[in-house]
Amino acid sequence: MLLSYDRNRKLPTAKDLPSDDETPVDNELQNDLPNLLRAMLALIWASRMDWFFGVDMGIYYDPDQPAIVPDGFLSIGVPRIIDEDLRLSYLLWEEEKLPILVLEVVSQTRREEYTTKKDFYQEMGILYYVIHNPLRKRKQKLEVYKLINGKYELLNGEAVWFTEIGIGIKRERGTYQGVVREWLYWMDEQGNRYLTPEEQIKDAQQQAQIAQQQAQEAQRQTQAAQRQTQEAQQQALEAQRRTELLEERLRRLGIDLDEL
């Protein structure tokens, strides 16, 4: 229903509409968490150009209604880059694809993530709705809902595999931009989380350092072997020289070496 539009009407473009709702975030995590997921995905799917991950970007579902602005959303089957100016907003009548996943990060001020927004995403037909509430103490902090028969059902656990996407999500303690805390990470089907860009750089640096150390050790071993060869050659030459001196002395003494 949401993708049915009057094609006889001149529909607005992204330039015609506000690019955000001008609502400031009250917690850095609302930007940092989805930005981390986007940065990780850019490495995991570096060779793919059929996906888009929006952060704090308006999704326009009706040309006559204001956009809804989730903290993050993922669409599959759309161009990752439309042009060098990138997207201003996500217009369903232009993209012709609903996001397959929407992420909301709960902050100090609740924004109806568990009520109105959840109902709206359900009505839109978003397959996966992810809510992360880092402030929770007793209830689980990461909830993933899946649209089943038109209704959201909470999936088990806080490490969830998205079969239709080919990737999973989990929460785990780690370091991002120097901050040590619990973050959201993409994971593989075995539950192993992917490395962040920072971790990949650090890992590459460590691998380069190990390779350099191994090369230096191999060079030292080669040099040691060369020294041993040179020493053996010198010892052989010295032994030959001593033999020749001894033979010369014996000849001077009148000893026939051929008779020995």
C-alpha atoms as a PDB file:
ATOM      1  CA  MET A   1       0.000   0.000   0.000  1.00  0.00           C
ATOM      2  CA  LEU A   2       2.818   2.376   0.888  1.00  0.00           C
ATOM      3  CA  LEU A   3       4.408   1.921  -2.517  1.00  0.00           C
ATOM      4  CA  SER A   4       1.212   2.728  -4.401  1.00  0.00           C
ATOM      5  CA  TYR A   5       1.339   6.317  -5.571  1.00  0.00           C
ATOM      6  CA  ASP A   6      -0.536   8.402  -8.089  1.00  0.00           C
ATOM      7  CA  ARG A   7       1.937   8.433 -10.972  1.00  0.00           C
ATOM      8  CA  ASN A   8      -0.139  11.093 -12.746  1.00  0.00           C
ATOM      9  CA  ARG A   9       0.730  13.476  -9.943  1.00  0.00           C
ATOM     10  CA  LYS A  10       4.055  15.271  -9.933  1.00  0.00           C
ATOM     11  CA  LEU A  11       5.643  13.780  -6.847  1.00  0.00           C
ATOM     12  CA  PRO A  12       8.215  15.829  -4.891  1.00  0.00           C
ATOM     13  CA  THR A  13      11.914  15.051  -5.042  1.00  0.00           C
ATOM     14  CA  ALA A  14      14.302  14.965  -2.104  1.00  0.00           C
ATOM     15  CA  LYS A  15      15.317  18.553  -2.877  1.00  0.00           C
ATOM     16  CA  ASP A  16      11.700  19.643  -2.448  1.00  0.00           C
ATOM     17  CA  LEU A  17      11.397  18.163   1.058  1.00  0.00           C
ATOM     18  CA  PRO A  18      13.141  18.808   4.396  1.00  0.00           C
ATOM     19  CA  SER A  19      16.139  16.508   4.787  1.00  0.00           C
ATOM     20  CA  ASP A  20      15.632  16.052   8.563  1.00  0.00           C
ATOM     21  CA  ASP A  21      13.115  16.819  11.278  1.00  0.00           C
ATOM     22  CA  GLU A  22      15.505  19.245  13.031  1.00  0.00           C
ATOM     23  CA  THR A  23      15.063  17.331  16.296  1.00  0.00           C
ATOM     24  CA  PRO A  24      18.398  17.298  18.166  1.00  0.00           C
ATOM     25  CA  VAL A  25      19.555  14.053  19.726  1.00  0.00           C
ATOM     26  CA  ASP A  26      19.947  14.040  23.511  1.00  0.00           C
ATOM     27  CA  ASN A  27      22.553  11.272  23.557  1.00  0.00           C
ATOM     28  CA  GLU A  28      25.649  10.715  21.411  1.00  0.00           C
ATOM     29  CA  LEU A  29      24.838   7.009  21.169  1.00  0.00           C
ATOM     30  CA  GLN A  30      21.886   7.789  18.917  1.00  0.00           C
ATOM     31  CA  ASN A  31      24.451   8.785  16.287  1.00  0.00           C
ATOM     32  CA  ASP A  32      27.486   6.727  17.291  1.00  0.00           C
ATOM     33  CA  LEU A  33      25.792   3.319  17.366  1.00  0.00           C
ATOM     34  CA  PRO A  34      24.215   3.473  13.880  1.00  0.00           C
ATOM     35  CA  ASN A  35      27.336   5.147  12.455  1.00  0.00           C
ATOM     36  CA  LEU A  36      29.443   2.267  13.758  1.00  0.00           C
ATOM     37  CA  LEU A  37      27.096  -0.246  12.119  1.00  0.00           C
ATOM     38  CA  ARG A  38      27.233   1.694   8.838  1.00  0.00           C
ATOM     39  CA  ALA A  39      31.046   1.868   8.910  1.00  0.00           C
ATOM     40  CA  MET A  40      31.300  -1.859   9.614  1.00  0.00           C
ATOM     41  CA  LEU A  41      28.867  -2.696   6.828  1.00  0.00           C
ATOM     42  CA  ALA A  42      30.900  -0.637   4.376  1.00  0.00           C
ATOM     43  CA  LEU A  43      33.796  -3.034   5.007  1.00  0.00           C
ATOM     44  CA  ILE A  44      31.786  -6.262   5.243  1.00  0.00           C
ATOM     45  CA  TRP A  45      29.924  -5.537   1.998  1.00  0.00           C
ATOM     46  CA  ALA A  46      32.668  -3.492   0.333  1.00  0.00           C
ATOM     47  CA  SER A  47      32.168  -5.260  -3.009  1.00  0.00           C
ATOM     48  CA  ARG A  48      28.376  -4.867  -2.960  1.00  0.00           C
ATOM     49  CA  MET A  49      26.558  -1.811  -4.276  1.00  0.00           C
ATOM     50  CA  ASP A  50      22.973  -3.006  -3.744  1.00  0.00           C
ATOM     51  CA  TRP A  51      22.392  -1.734  -0.223  1.00  0.00           C
ATOM     52  CA  PHE A  52      22.009   1.499   1.707  1.00  0.00           C
ATOM     53  CA  PHE A  53      22.287   2.236   5.418  1.00  0.00           C
ATOM     54  CA  GLY A  54      20.828   5.556   6.484  1.00  0.00           C
ATOM     55  CA  VAL A  55      21.634   7.320   9.745  1.00  0.00           C
ATOM     56  CA  ASP A  56      19.257   9.935  11.130  1.00  0.00           C
ATOM     57  CA  MET A  57      17.744  10.288   7.652  1.00  0.00           C
ATOM     58  CA  GLY A  58      14.130  10.984   6.865  1.00  0.00           C
ATOM     59  CA  ILE A  59      12.043   8.219   5.272  1.00  0.00           C
ATOM     60  CA  TYR A  60       9.208   9.729   3.252  1.00  0.00           C
ATOM     61  CA  TYR A  61       6.329   7.295   2.908  1.00  0.00           C
ATOM     62  CA  ASP A  62       3.665   9.845   1.861  1.00  0.00           C
ATOM     63  CA  PRO A  63       4.290  13.033  -0.162  1.00  0.00           C
ATOM     64  CA  ASP A  64       1.747  14.835   2.022  1.00  0.00           C
ATOM     65  CA  GLN A  65       3.123  13.706   5.389  1.00  0.00           C
ATOM     66  CA  PRO A  66       6.314  14.541   7.275  1.00  0.00           C
ATOM     67  CA  ALA A  67       9.106  11.994   7.198  1.00  0.00           C
ATOM     68  CA  ILE A  68       9.755   9.474   9.916  1.00  0.00           C
ATOM     69  CA  VAL A  69      13.389   9.608  11.047  1.00  0.00           C
ATOM     70  CA  PRO A  70      14.766   6.438  12.637  1.00  0.00           C
ATOM     71  CA  ASP A  71      18.228   6.406  14.156  1.00  0.00           C
ATOM     72  CA  GLY A  72      19.285   3.938  11.475  1.00  0.00           C
ATOM     73  CA  PHE A  73      17.790   1.820   8.704  1.00  0.00           C
ATOM     74  CA  LEU A  74      18.969  -0.715   6.142  1.00  0.00           C
ATOM     75  CA  SER A  75      17.608  -1.216   2.638  1.00  0.00           C
ATOM     76  CA  ILE A  76      18.570  -4.053   0.307  1.00  0.00           C
ATOM     77  CA  GLY A  77      18.177  -3.963  -3.469  1.00  0.00           C
ATOM     78  CA  VAL A  78      18.679  -0.219  -3.881  1.00  0.00           C
ATOM     79  CA  PRO A  79      21.736   1.638  -5.214  1.00  0.00           C
ATOM     80  CA  ARG A  80      24.237   2.286  -2.463  1.00  0.00           C
ATOM     81  CA  ILE A  81      25.176   5.569  -4.144  1.00  0.00           C
ATOM     82  CA  ILE A  82      22.769   7.459  -6.390  1.00  0.00           C
ATOM     83  CA  ASP A  83      25.184  10.263  -7.361  1.00  0.00           C
ATOM     84  CA  GLU A  84      28.160  12.138  -5.960  1.00  0.00           C
ATOM     85  CA  ASP A  85      25.899  14.374  -3.847  1.00  0.00           C
ATOM     86  CA  LEU A  86      24.496  11.268  -2.077  1.00  0.00           C
ATOM     87  CA  ARG A  87      20.979  11.044  -0.673  1.00  0.00           C
ATOM     88  CA  LEU A  88      19.239  13.893   1.102  1.00  0.00           C
ATOM     89  CA  SER A  89      16.320  11.700   2.163  1.00  0.00           C
ATOM     90  CA  TYR A  90      14.839   8.293   1.428  1.00  0.00           C
ATOM     91  CA  LEU A  91      11.705   8.664  -0.708  1.00  0.00           C
ATOM     92  CA  LEU A  92       9.716   5.458  -1.066  1.00  0.00           C
ATOM     93  CA  TRP A  93       8.122   6.567  -4.356  1.00  0.00           C
ATOM     94  CA  GLU A  94      11.619   6.940  -5.835  1.00  0.00           C
ATOM     95  CA  GLU A  95      13.431   4.046  -4.126  1.00  0.00           C
ATOM     96  CA  GLU A  96      10.490   1.637  -4.568  1.00  0.00           C
ATOM     97  CA  LYS A  97      11.921  -0.450  -1.718  1.00  0.00           C
ATOM     98  CA  LEU A  98      10.941  -0.493   1.929  1.00  0.00           C
ATOM     99  CA  PRO A  99      13.820  -0.656   4.387  1.00  0.00           C
ATOM    100  CA  ILE A 100      14.229  -4.236   5.565  1.00  0.00           C
ATOM    101  CA  LEU A 101      15.490  -3.185   8.996  1.00  0.00           C
ATOM    102  CA  VAL A 102      14.981  -0.158  11.220  1.00  0.00           C
ATOM    103  CA  LEU A 103      17.017   0.684  14.335  1.00  0.00           C
ATOM    104  CA  GLU A 104      15.989   2.911  17.215  1.00  0.00           C
ATOM    105  CA  VAL A 105      18.297   3.761  20.132  1.00  0.00           C
ATOM    106  CA  VAL A 106      16.483   4.694  23.337  1.00  0.00           C
ATOM    107  CA  SER A 107      17.952   7.650  25.213  1.00  0.00           C
ATOM    108  CA  GLN A 108      17.121   9.553  28.370  1.00  0.00           C
ATOM    109  CA  THR A 109      13.990  10.912  26.729  1.00  0.00           C
ATOM    110  CA  ARG A 110      11.712   8.162  25.480  1.00  0.00           C
ATOM    111  CA  ARG A 111      10.422   8.771  21.960  1.00  0.00           C
ATOM    112  CA  GLU A 112       7.699   6.110  21.874  1.00  0.00           C
ATOM    113  CA  GLU A 113      10.103   3.448  20.566  1.00  0.00           C
ATOM    114  CA  TYR A 114       8.085   0.665  22.206  1.00  0.00           C
ATOM    115  CA  THR A 115       4.653   2.008  21.284  1.00  0.00           C
ATOM    116  CA  THR A 116       3.838   4.466  18.505  1.00  0.00           C
ATOM    117  CA  LYS A 117       6.997   3.921  16.441  1.00  0.00           C
ATOM    118  CA  LYS A 118       6.773   0.172  16.791  1.00  0.00           C
ATOM    119  CA  ASP A 119       3.148   0.222  15.609  1.00  0.00           C
ATOM    120  CA  PHE A 120       4.027   2.524  12.722  1.00  0.00           C
ATOM    121  CA  TYR A 121       6.917   0.373  11.467  1.00  0.00           C
ATOM    122  CA  GLN A 122       4.653  -2.635  11.749  1.00  0.00           C
ATOM    123  CA  GLU A 123       2.008  -0.908   9.642  1.00  0.00           C
ATOM    124  CA  MET A 124       4.650   0.137   7.114  1.00  0.00           C
ATOM    125  CA  GLY A 125       5.697  -3.479   6.725  1.00  0.00           C
ATOM    126  CA  ILE A 126       9.302  -3.194   7.933  1.00  0.00           C
ATOM    127  CA  LEU A 127      10.515  -6.791   8.312  1.00  0.00           C
ATOM    128  CA  TYR A 128      12.865  -6.231  11.275  1.00  0.00           C
ATOM    129  CA  TYR A 129      12.551  -3.642  14.013  1.00  0.00           C
ATOM    130  CA  VAL A 130      15.567  -3.351  16.336  1.00  0.00           C
ATOM    131  CA  ILE A 131      15.410  -1.433  19.623  1.00  0.00           C
ATOM    132  CA  HIS A 132      18.529  -0.883  21.705  1.00  0.00           C
ATOM    133  CA  ASN A 133      18.054   0.509  25.194  1.00  0.00           C
ATOM    134  CA  PRO A 134      21.449   0.816  26.906  1.00  0.00           C
ATOM    135  CA  LEU A 135      19.795   2.296  30.003  1.00  0.00           C
ATOM    136  CA  ARG A 136      17.847  -0.843  30.887  1.00  0.00           C
ATOM    137  CA  LYS A 137      18.903  -2.718  34.001  1.00  0.00           C
ATOM    138  CA  ARG A 138      16.548  -5.696  34.309  1.00  0.00           C
ATOM    139  CA  LYS A 139      14.984  -6.211  30.887  1.00  0.00           C
ATOM    140  CA  GLN A 140      17.076  -7.094  27.870  1.00  0.00           C
ATOM    141  CA  LYS A 141      18.770  -4.117  26.281  1.00  0.00           C
ATOM    142  CA  LEU A 142      18.593  -5.331  22.689  1.00  0.00           C
ATOM    143  CA  GLU A 143      15.234  -6.384  21.276  1.00  0.00           C
ATOM    144  CA  VAL A 144      14.670  -7.574  17.728  1.00  0.00           C
ATOM    145  CA  TYR A 145      11.146  -7.867  16.367  1.00  0.00           C
ATOM    146  CA  LYS A 146      10.235  -9.673  13.164  1.00  0.00           C
ATOM    147  CA  LEU A 147       7.087  -9.083  11.150  1.00  0.00           C
ATOM    148  CA  ILE A 148       5.204 -12.383  11.069  1.00  0.00           C
ATOM    149  CA  ASN A 149       1.699 -12.481   9.578  1.00  0.00           C
ATOM    150  CA  GLY A 150       1.485  -8.705   9.813  1.00  0.00           C
ATOM    151  CA  LYS A 151       2.447  -8.525  13.511  1.00  0.00           C
ATOM    152  CA  TYR A 152       5.760  -7.953  15.258  1.00  0.00           C
ATOM    153  CA  GLU A 153       7.014 -10.881  17.292  1.00  0.00           C
ATOM    154  CA  LEU A 154       9.969 -10.551  19.647  1.00  0.00           C
ATOM    155  CA  LEU A 155      12.808 -12.890  18.687  1.00  0.00           C
ATOM    156  CA  ASN A 156      14.774 -14.759  21.343  1.00  0.00           C
ATOM    157  CA  GLY A 157      18.127 -13.561  22.595  1.00  0.00           C
ATOM    158  CA  GLU A 158      20.321 -10.526  22.149  1.00  0.00           C
ATOM    159  CA  ALA A 159      22.351 -12.007  19.320  1.00  0.00           C
ATOM    160  CA  VAL A 160      20.042 -12.431  16.336  1.00  0.00           C
ATOM    161  CA  TRP A 161      20.698 -13.746  12.825  1.00  0.00           C
ATOM    162  CA  PHE A 162      18.770 -12.092   9.975  1.00  0.00           C
ATOM    163  CA  THR A 163      18.225 -14.915   7.493  1.00  0.00           C
ATOM    164  CA  GLU A 164      16.817 -12.647   4.788  1.00  0.00           C
ATOM    165  CA  ILE A 165      19.767 -10.250   5.059  1.00  0.00           C
ATOM    166  CA  GLY A 166      22.624 -12.705   5.536  1.00  0.00           C
ATOM    167  CA  ILE A 167      24.026 -10.988   8.602  1.00  0.00           C
ATOM    168  CA  GLY A 168      23.302 -10.807  12.323  1.00  0.00           C
ATOM    169  CA  ILE A 169      23.464  -8.290  15.158  1.00  0.00           C
ATOM    170  CA  LYS A 170      24.632  -8.557  18.748  1.00  0.00           C
ATOM    171  CA  ARG A 171      25.674  -6.383  21.650  1.00  0.00           C
ATOM    172  CA  GLU A 172      29.136  -6.801  23.102  1.00  0.00           C
ATOM    173  CA  ARG A 173      31.643  -4.804  25.091  1.00  0.00           C
ATOM    174  CA  GLY A 174      34.391  -3.261  23.013  1.00  0.00           C
ATOM    175  CA  THR A 175      36.196  -0.066  22.011  1.00  0.00           C
ATOM    176  CA  TYR A 176      35.056   2.404  19.374  1.00  0.00           C
ATOM    177  CA  GLN A 177      36.620   5.840  18.860  1.00  0.00           C
ATOM    178  CA  GLY A 178      38.518   5.316  22.110  1.00  0.00           C
ATOM    179  CA  VAL A 179      35.346   4.688  24.138  1.00  0.00           C
ATOM    180  CA  VAL A 180      35.208   1.387  26.033  1.00  0.00           C
ATOM    181  CA  ARG A 181      31.596   0.329  26.551  1.00  0.00           C
ATOM    182  CA  GLU A 182      28.910  -1.937  25.174  1.00  0.00           C
ATOM    183  CA  TRP A 183      28.287  -1.436  21.452  1.00  0.00           C
ATOM    184  CA  LEU A 184      26.184  -3.022  18.725  1.00  0.00           C
ATOM    185  CA  TYR A 185      28.075  -5.107  16.172  1.00  0.00           C
ATOM    186  CA  TRP A 186      27.265  -7.076  13.047  1.00  0.00           C
ATOM    187  CA  MET A 187      28.024 -10.791  13.379  1.00  0.00           C
ATOM    188  CA  ASP A 188      28.365 -13.849  11.152  1.00  0.00           C
ATOM    189  CA  GLU A 189      26.118 -16.896  11.244  1.00  0.00           C
ATOM    190  CA  GLN A 190      28.349 -18.560  13.856  1.00  0.00           C
ATOM    191  CA  GLY A 191      27.838 -15.627  16.217  1.00  0.00           C
ATOM    192  CA  ASN A 192      31.298 -14.149  15.738  1.00  0.00           C
ATOM    193  CA  ARG A 193      31.203 -10.396  15.496  1.00  0.00           C
ATOM    194  CA  TYR A 194      32.902  -8.621  12.643  1.00  0.00           C
ATOM    195  CA  LEU A 195      35.785  -6.260  13.348  1.00  0.00           C
ATOM    196  CA  THR A 196      35.268  -2.509  13.391  1.00  0.00           C
ATOM    197  CA  PRO A 197      37.314  -0.329  10.995  1.00  0.00           C
ATOM    198  CA  GLU A 198      39.602   0.643  13.888  1.00  0.00           C
ATOM    199  CA  GLU A 199      40.111  -2.992  14.827  1.00  0.00           C
ATOM    200  CA  GLN A 200      40.824  -3.957  11.229  1.00  0.00           C
ATOM    201  CA  ILE A 201      43.479  -1.245  10.991  1.00  0.00           C
ATOM    202  CA  LYS A 202      45.018  -2.355  14.288  1.00  0.00           C
ATOM    203  CA  ASP A 203      44.905  -5.996  13.205  1.00  0.00           C
ATOM    204  CA  ALA A 204      46.540  -5.134   9.870  1.00  0.00           C
ATOM    205  CA  GLN A 205      49.242  -3.171  11.685  1.00  0.00           C
ATOM    206  CA  GLN A 206      49.889  -6.107  14.024  1.00  0.00           C
ATOM    207  CA  GLN A 207      50.050  -8.526  11.094  1.00  0.00           C
ATOM    208  CA  ALA A 208      52.471  -6.197   9.303  1.00  0.00           C
ATOM    209  CA  GLN A 209      54.600  -5.955  12.448  1.00  0.00           C
ATOM    210  CA  ILE A 210      54.658  -9.752  12.813  1.00  0.00           C
ATOM    211  CA  ALA A 211      55.576 -10.150   9.129  1.00  0.00           C
ATOM    212  CA  GLN A 212      58.351  -7.579   9.524  1.00  0.00           C
ATOM    213  CA  GLN A 213      59.692  -9.382  12.607  1.00  0.00           C
ATOM    214  CA  GLN A 214      59.588 -12.702  10.766  1.00  0.00           C
ATOM    215  CA  ALA A 215      61.435 -11.145   7.805  1.00  0.00           C
ATOM    216  CA  GLN A 216      64.041  -9.689  10.137  1.00  0.00           C
ATOM    217  CA  GLU A 217      64.474 -13.065  11.876  1.00  0.00           C
ATOM    218  CA  ALA A 218      64.817 -14.818   8.509  1.00  0.00           C
ATOM    219  CA  GLN A 219      67.401 -12.220   7.496  1.00  0.00           C
ATOM    220  CA  ARG A 220      69.309 -12.777  10.739  1.00  0.00           C
ATOM    221  CA  GLN A 221      69.244 -16.544  10.183  1.00  0.00           C
ATOM    222  CA  THR A 222      70.441 -16.071   6.599  1.00  0.00           C
ATOM    223  CA  GLN A 223      73.228 -13.795   7.752  1.00  0.00           C
ATOM    224  CA  ALA A 224      74.172 -16.279  10.486  1.00  0.00           C
ATOM    225  CA  ALA A 225      74.238 -19.113   7.942  1.00  0.00           C
ATOM    226  CA  GLN A 226      76.397 -16.988   5.634  1.00  0.00           C
ATOM    227  CA  ARG A 227      78.793 -16.253   8.514  1.00  0.00           C
ATOM    228  CA  GLN A 228      78.972 -19.978   9.346  1.00  0.00           C
ATOM    229  CA  THR A 229      79.722 -20.772   5.701  1.00  0.00           C
ATOM    230  CA  GLN A 230      82.399 -18.102   5.574  1.00  0.00           C
ATOM    231  CA  GLU A 231      83.926 -19.354   8.827  1.00  0.00           C
ATOM    232  CA  ALA A 232      83.932 -22.940   7.525  1.00  0.00           C
ATOM    233  CA  GLN A 233      85.568 -21.781   4.308  1.00  0.00           C
ATOM    234  CA  GLN A 234      88.194 -19.844   6.270  1.00  0.00           C
ATOM    235  CA  GLN A 235      88.861 -22.856   8.497  1.00  0.00           C
ATOM    236  CA  ALA A 236      89.270 -25.057   5.413  1.00  0.00           C
ATOM    237  CA  LEU A 237      91.693 -22.564   3.871  1.00  0.00           C
ATOM    238  CA  GLU A 238      93.641 -22.322   7.142  1.00  0.00           C
ATOM    239  CA  ALA A 239      93.843 -26.124   7.397  1.00  0.00           C
ATOM    240  CA  GLN A 240      95.053 -26.318   3.798  1.00  0.00           C
ATOM    241  CA  ARG A 241      97.651 -23.619   4.474  1.00  0.00           C
ATOM    242  CA  ARG A 242      98.947 -25.459   7.554  1.00  0.00           C
ATOM    243  CA  THR A 243      99.136 -28.681   5.560  1.00  0.00           C
ATOM    244  CA  GLU A 244     101.138 -27.007   2.831  1.00  0.00           C
ATOM    245  CA  LEU A 245     103.544 -25.491   5.404  1.00  0.00           C
ATOM    246  CA  LEU A 246     104.015 -28.864   7.062  1.00  0.00           C
ATOM    247  CA  GLU A 247     104.697 -30.532   3.707  1.00  0.00           C
ATOM    248  CA  GLU A 248     107.271 -27.834   2.878  1.00  0.00           C
ATOM    249  CA  ARG A 249     109.099 -28.320   6.200  1.00  0.00           C
ATOM    250  CA  LEU A 250     109.194 -32.084   5.710  1.00  0.00           C
ATOM    251  CA  ARG A 251     110.680 -31.676   2.249  1.00  0.00           C
ATOM    252  CA  ARG A 252     113.360 -29.374   3.682  1.00  0.00           C
ATOM    253  CA  LEU A 253     114.218 -32.110   6.161  1.00  0.00           C
ATOM    254  CA  GLY A 254     114.720 -34.483   3.263  1.00  0.00           C
ATOM    255  CA  ILE A 255     111.632 -36.517   3.862  1.00  0.00           C
ATOM    256  CA  ASP A 256     110.037 -37.908   0.710  1.00  0.00           C
ATOM    257  CA  LEU A 257     106.295 -37.466   1.217  1.00  0.00           C
ATOM    258  CA  ASP A 258     105.516 -39.933  -1.571  1.00  0.00           C
ATOM    259  CA  GLU A 259     107.151 -42.720   0.510  1.00  0.00           C
ATOM    260  CA  LEU A 260     105.039 -41.989   3.590  1.00  0.00           C
END
